[in-house]
N, C-alpha and C. Protein backbone atom coordinates (compact mmCIF):
# COMPACT_ATOMS: atom_id res chain seq x y z
N MET A 1 129.94 43.57 131.13
CA MET A 1 129.57 42.45 130.29
C MET A 1 130.81 41.79 129.68
N PHE A 2 131.64 42.54 128.95
CA PHE A 2 132.87 42.01 128.36
C PHE A 2 134.07 42.60 129.08
N ASN A 3 135.14 41.80 129.22
CA ASN A 3 136.33 42.28 129.89
C ASN A 3 137.61 42.10 129.07
N GLY A 4 137.47 41.64 127.83
CA GLY A 4 138.64 41.43 126.98
C GLY A 4 139.22 40.03 127.06
N ASN A 5 138.62 39.16 127.86
CA ASN A 5 139.11 37.80 128.01
C ASN A 5 138.11 36.77 127.48
N GLU A 6 137.22 37.18 126.60
CA GLU A 6 136.19 36.29 126.07
C GLU A 6 136.78 35.35 125.02
N GLY A 7 136.13 34.24 124.86
CA GLY A 7 136.58 33.23 123.90
C GLY A 7 137.10 32.02 124.66
N LYS A 8 137.11 30.92 123.98
CA LYS A 8 137.56 29.67 124.58
C LYS A 8 138.69 29.11 123.73
N GLU A 9 139.78 28.81 124.37
CA GLU A 9 140.88 28.15 123.66
C GLU A 9 140.47 26.70 123.42
N ILE A 10 140.77 26.22 122.22
CA ILE A 10 140.42 24.85 121.86
C ILE A 10 141.66 24.13 121.33
N THR A 11 141.54 22.83 121.21
CA THR A 11 142.64 22.03 120.68
C THR A 11 142.65 22.10 119.16
N VAL A 12 143.74 21.72 118.57
CA VAL A 12 143.81 21.67 117.11
C VAL A 12 142.82 20.64 116.57
N GLN A 13 142.59 19.57 117.31
CA GLN A 13 141.64 18.55 116.88
C GLN A 13 140.22 19.13 116.84
N GLU A 14 139.85 19.91 117.84
CA GLU A 14 138.53 20.54 117.84
C GLU A 14 138.41 21.53 116.68
N ALA A 15 139.46 22.30 116.46
CA ALA A 15 139.45 23.25 115.35
C ALA A 15 139.29 22.52 114.02
N GLU A 16 140.01 21.43 113.85
CA GLU A 16 139.90 20.64 112.62
C GLU A 16 138.46 20.15 112.41
N GLU A 17 137.83 19.69 113.48
CA GLU A 17 136.45 19.19 113.39
C GLU A 17 135.49 20.30 112.98
N PHE A 18 135.59 21.46 113.63
CA PHE A 18 134.70 22.58 113.31
C PHE A 18 134.89 23.01 111.85
N ILE A 19 136.13 23.09 111.43
CA ILE A 19 136.44 23.53 110.06
C ILE A 19 135.93 22.50 109.05
N ALA A 20 136.11 21.22 109.36
CA ALA A 20 135.61 20.16 108.47
C ALA A 20 134.09 20.22 108.37
N ASN A 21 133.41 20.48 109.47
CA ASN A 21 131.95 20.60 109.45
C ASN A 21 131.52 21.70 108.49
N TYR A 22 132.20 22.83 108.53
CA TYR A 22 131.88 23.93 107.62
C TYR A 22 132.14 23.53 106.17
N ARG A 23 133.31 22.99 105.93
CA ARG A 23 133.67 22.64 104.55
C ARG A 23 132.74 21.59 103.96
N ASN A 24 132.30 20.65 104.78
CA ASN A 24 131.41 19.59 104.30
C ASN A 24 130.01 20.12 103.98
N SER A 25 129.70 21.31 104.48
CA SER A 25 128.37 21.88 104.22
C SER A 25 128.41 23.04 103.24
N SER A 26 129.59 23.40 102.75
CA SER A 26 129.70 24.54 101.84
C SER A 26 129.91 24.07 100.41
N LYS A 27 129.71 25.00 99.49
CA LYS A 27 129.88 24.65 98.08
C LYS A 27 131.36 24.45 97.74
N PRO A 28 131.65 23.66 96.73
CA PRO A 28 133.05 23.46 96.33
C PRO A 28 133.71 24.79 95.97
N LYS A 29 134.96 24.91 96.28
CA LYS A 29 135.76 26.11 96.00
C LYS A 29 135.33 27.33 96.80
N ALA A 30 134.53 27.15 97.85
CA ALA A 30 134.13 28.26 98.71
C ALA A 30 135.34 28.77 99.48
N VAL A 31 135.29 30.01 99.90
CA VAL A 31 136.35 30.58 100.73
C VAL A 31 136.40 29.80 102.03
N LYS A 32 137.61 29.37 102.42
CA LYS A 32 137.80 28.60 103.64
C LYS A 32 138.12 29.50 104.83
N ALA A 33 138.81 30.60 104.55
CA ALA A 33 139.28 31.47 105.62
C ALA A 33 139.65 32.82 105.02
N GLU A 34 139.82 33.80 105.89
CA GLU A 34 140.34 35.10 105.48
C GLU A 34 141.43 35.49 106.48
N PHE A 35 142.46 36.12 105.96
CA PHE A 35 143.58 36.59 106.78
C PHE A 35 143.48 38.10 106.94
N PHE A 36 143.59 38.58 108.18
CA PHE A 36 143.66 40.00 108.47
C PHE A 36 145.00 40.28 109.13
N GLY A 37 145.69 41.28 108.65
CA GLY A 37 147.00 41.63 109.18
C GLY A 37 146.94 42.26 110.56
N LYS A 38 148.01 42.08 111.31
CA LYS A 38 148.14 42.58 112.67
C LYS A 38 147.92 44.09 112.74
N GLU A 39 148.49 44.82 111.79
CA GLU A 39 148.37 46.28 111.80
C GLU A 39 146.91 46.70 111.70
N LYS A 40 146.16 46.05 110.83
CA LYS A 40 144.73 46.38 110.67
C LYS A 40 143.94 45.99 111.91
N LEU A 41 144.21 44.81 112.47
CA LEU A 41 143.50 44.38 113.68
C LEU A 41 143.82 45.30 114.85
N ASN A 42 145.09 45.73 114.94
CA ASN A 42 145.45 46.65 116.01
C ASN A 42 144.78 48.00 115.86
N LYS A 43 144.46 48.42 114.63
CA LYS A 43 143.73 49.67 114.44
C LYS A 43 142.35 49.57 115.10
N ILE A 44 141.76 48.39 115.03
CA ILE A 44 140.48 48.20 115.71
C ILE A 44 140.70 48.17 117.22
N LEU A 45 141.64 47.34 117.68
CA LEU A 45 141.87 47.15 119.11
C LEU A 45 142.36 48.41 119.82
N ASP A 46 143.03 49.28 119.10
CA ASP A 46 143.58 50.50 119.70
C ASP A 46 142.55 51.62 119.86
N GLN A 47 141.32 51.39 119.40
CA GLN A 47 140.29 52.41 119.55
C GLN A 47 139.89 52.56 121.01
N GLU A 48 139.54 53.78 121.38
CA GLU A 48 139.10 54.06 122.74
C GLU A 48 137.91 53.17 123.09
N LYS A 49 137.95 52.58 124.26
CA LYS A 49 136.90 51.72 124.82
C LYS A 49 136.81 50.33 124.19
N CYS A 50 137.67 50.00 123.24
CA CYS A 50 137.61 48.70 122.58
C CYS A 50 138.23 47.63 123.48
N VAL A 51 137.50 46.53 123.69
CA VAL A 51 138.02 45.41 124.48
C VAL A 51 138.13 44.13 123.66
N GLY A 52 137.72 44.18 122.40
CA GLY A 52 137.79 42.99 121.57
C GLY A 52 137.23 43.26 120.18
N ILE A 53 137.17 42.20 119.40
CA ILE A 53 136.69 42.31 118.02
C ILE A 53 135.55 41.32 117.82
N ARG A 54 134.50 41.79 117.19
CA ARG A 54 133.40 40.93 116.79
C ARG A 54 133.54 40.69 115.29
N PHE A 55 133.42 39.42 114.90
CA PHE A 55 133.50 39.05 113.49
C PHE A 55 132.10 38.66 113.02
N TYR A 56 131.60 39.41 112.05
CA TYR A 56 130.31 39.10 111.44
C TYR A 56 130.54 38.30 110.17
N PHE A 57 129.69 37.33 109.92
CA PHE A 57 129.70 36.62 108.65
C PHE A 57 128.84 37.41 107.70
N GLY A 58 129.36 37.63 106.52
CA GLY A 58 128.62 38.35 105.49
C GLY A 58 128.67 37.58 104.19
N LYS A 59 128.03 38.14 103.19
CA LYS A 59 128.01 37.50 101.89
C LYS A 59 127.98 38.59 100.83
N TYR A 60 128.87 38.46 99.86
CA TYR A 60 128.87 39.38 98.73
C TYR A 60 127.62 39.14 97.88
N GLU A 61 127.28 40.12 97.07
CA GLU A 61 126.11 40.01 96.20
C GLU A 61 126.18 38.79 95.29
N TYR A 62 127.39 38.41 94.91
CA TYR A 62 127.56 37.26 94.01
C TYR A 62 127.61 35.93 94.76
N GLY A 63 127.44 35.96 96.09
CA GLY A 63 127.27 34.72 96.85
C GLY A 63 128.42 34.26 97.71
N ASP A 64 129.63 34.80 97.53
CA ASP A 64 130.76 34.35 98.34
C ASP A 64 130.69 34.93 99.75
N LEU A 65 131.14 34.13 100.70
CA LEU A 65 131.22 34.52 102.10
C LEU A 65 132.27 35.60 102.29
N ASN A 66 132.02 36.51 103.24
CA ASN A 66 133.08 37.41 103.68
C ASN A 66 132.96 37.60 105.19
N ILE A 67 133.98 38.19 105.75
CA ILE A 67 134.05 38.46 107.18
C ILE A 67 134.13 39.96 107.37
N VAL A 68 133.33 40.48 108.31
CA VAL A 68 133.37 41.89 108.67
C VAL A 68 133.81 41.95 110.13
N ALA A 69 134.86 42.71 110.40
CA ALA A 69 135.42 42.81 111.75
C ALA A 69 135.19 44.21 112.30
N VAL A 70 134.64 44.28 113.51
CA VAL A 70 134.35 45.57 114.14
C VAL A 70 134.71 45.48 115.63
N GLY A 71 135.22 46.57 116.17
CA GLY A 71 135.54 46.61 117.59
C GLY A 71 134.28 46.57 118.44
N SER A 72 134.46 46.13 119.68
CA SER A 72 133.35 46.06 120.62
C SER A 72 133.80 46.58 121.97
N ASP A 73 132.90 47.27 122.67
CA ASP A 73 133.24 47.81 123.99
C ASP A 73 132.84 46.84 125.10
N LYS A 74 133.08 47.22 126.33
CA LYS A 74 132.83 46.32 127.47
C LYS A 74 131.36 45.96 127.64
N ASP A 75 130.47 46.76 127.07
CA ASP A 75 129.04 46.48 127.15
C ASP A 75 128.56 45.60 126.00
N GLY A 76 129.49 45.19 125.13
CA GLY A 76 129.13 44.36 124.00
C GLY A 76 128.60 45.14 122.81
N GLU A 77 128.76 46.46 122.85
CA GLU A 77 128.28 47.30 121.76
C GLU A 77 129.36 47.46 120.70
N ASP A 78 128.95 47.38 119.45
CA ASP A 78 129.89 47.59 118.34
C ASP A 78 130.35 49.04 118.29
N ILE A 79 131.62 49.21 117.99
CA ILE A 79 132.17 50.55 117.78
C ILE A 79 132.09 50.81 116.28
N TYR A 80 130.88 51.04 115.81
CA TYR A 80 130.60 51.12 114.38
C TYR A 80 130.98 52.46 113.76
N GLU A 81 131.31 53.45 114.56
CA GLU A 81 131.76 54.72 114.01
C GLU A 81 133.28 54.78 113.94
N GLY A 82 133.92 53.65 114.17
CA GLY A 82 135.37 53.56 114.12
C GLY A 82 135.82 52.74 112.94
N VAL A 83 136.91 52.01 113.13
CA VAL A 83 137.49 51.19 112.08
C VAL A 83 136.69 49.90 111.94
N ILE A 84 136.30 49.59 110.72
CA ILE A 84 135.61 48.34 110.39
C ILE A 84 136.37 47.71 109.23
N LEU A 85 136.66 46.43 109.31
CA LEU A 85 137.43 45.75 108.27
C LEU A 85 136.60 44.73 107.51
N GLU A 86 136.94 44.55 106.27
CA GLU A 86 136.50 43.42 105.45
C GLU A 86 137.55 43.23 104.38
N MET A 87 137.32 42.35 103.46
CA MET A 87 138.27 42.04 102.41
C MET A 87 139.60 41.54 102.95
N GLY A 88 139.53 40.60 103.91
CA GLY A 88 140.73 39.92 104.31
C GLY A 88 141.26 39.16 103.10
N VAL A 89 142.45 38.69 103.20
CA VAL A 89 143.05 37.93 102.09
C VAL A 89 142.44 36.53 102.11
N PRO A 90 141.76 36.12 101.04
CA PRO A 90 141.03 34.85 101.05
C PRO A 90 141.91 33.62 100.85
N CYS A 91 141.44 32.54 101.44
CA CYS A 91 142.00 31.20 101.25
C CYS A 91 140.86 30.32 100.76
N PRO A 92 140.93 29.72 99.61
CA PRO A 92 141.97 29.88 98.62
C PRO A 92 141.87 31.25 97.93
N PRO A 93 142.93 31.68 97.32
CA PRO A 93 144.13 30.96 96.94
C PRO A 93 145.29 31.09 97.94
N HIS A 94 145.17 31.99 98.91
CA HIS A 94 146.29 32.26 99.81
C HIS A 94 146.12 31.49 101.10
N CYS A 95 146.35 30.19 101.06
CA CYS A 95 146.16 29.30 102.21
C CYS A 95 147.50 28.90 102.84
N ALA A 96 147.43 28.54 104.11
CA ALA A 96 148.59 27.97 104.77
C ALA A 96 148.95 26.66 104.09
N THR A 97 150.23 26.33 104.10
CA THR A 97 150.64 25.08 103.46
C THR A 97 150.99 23.98 104.45
N LEU A 98 151.36 24.35 105.68
CA LEU A 98 151.80 23.36 106.65
C LEU A 98 150.78 23.09 107.76
N SER A 99 149.77 23.93 107.89
CA SER A 99 148.81 23.83 108.97
C SER A 99 147.88 22.63 108.82
N PRO A 100 147.55 21.93 109.91
CA PRO A 100 146.57 20.86 109.83
C PRO A 100 145.15 21.42 109.63
N LEU A 101 144.98 22.73 109.77
CA LEU A 101 143.67 23.34 109.60
C LEU A 101 143.36 23.70 108.16
N LYS A 102 144.38 23.57 107.30
CA LYS A 102 144.20 23.97 105.90
C LYS A 102 143.18 23.11 105.24
């Protein structure tokens, strides 16, 4: 089912449009993005049978969006007994300053 090459590369213009669509539909001051460090992502990717990462959208009890990252195997099954991440560094306040996606 999965081979590690899933996903579609897009242009910066497409990315800007998708991000603007989200921002235009979200509440003011909502989290725009979360940053996950390479070391943490590699802990997921380095797990046995892992071919990629699935990102789930979640929501804290107080209403803010969060991202949950879990490894996935070639059959599309979550590796839920392994490393699972959340609490990426939120933007805002830690946003890129030069990116057109900001």
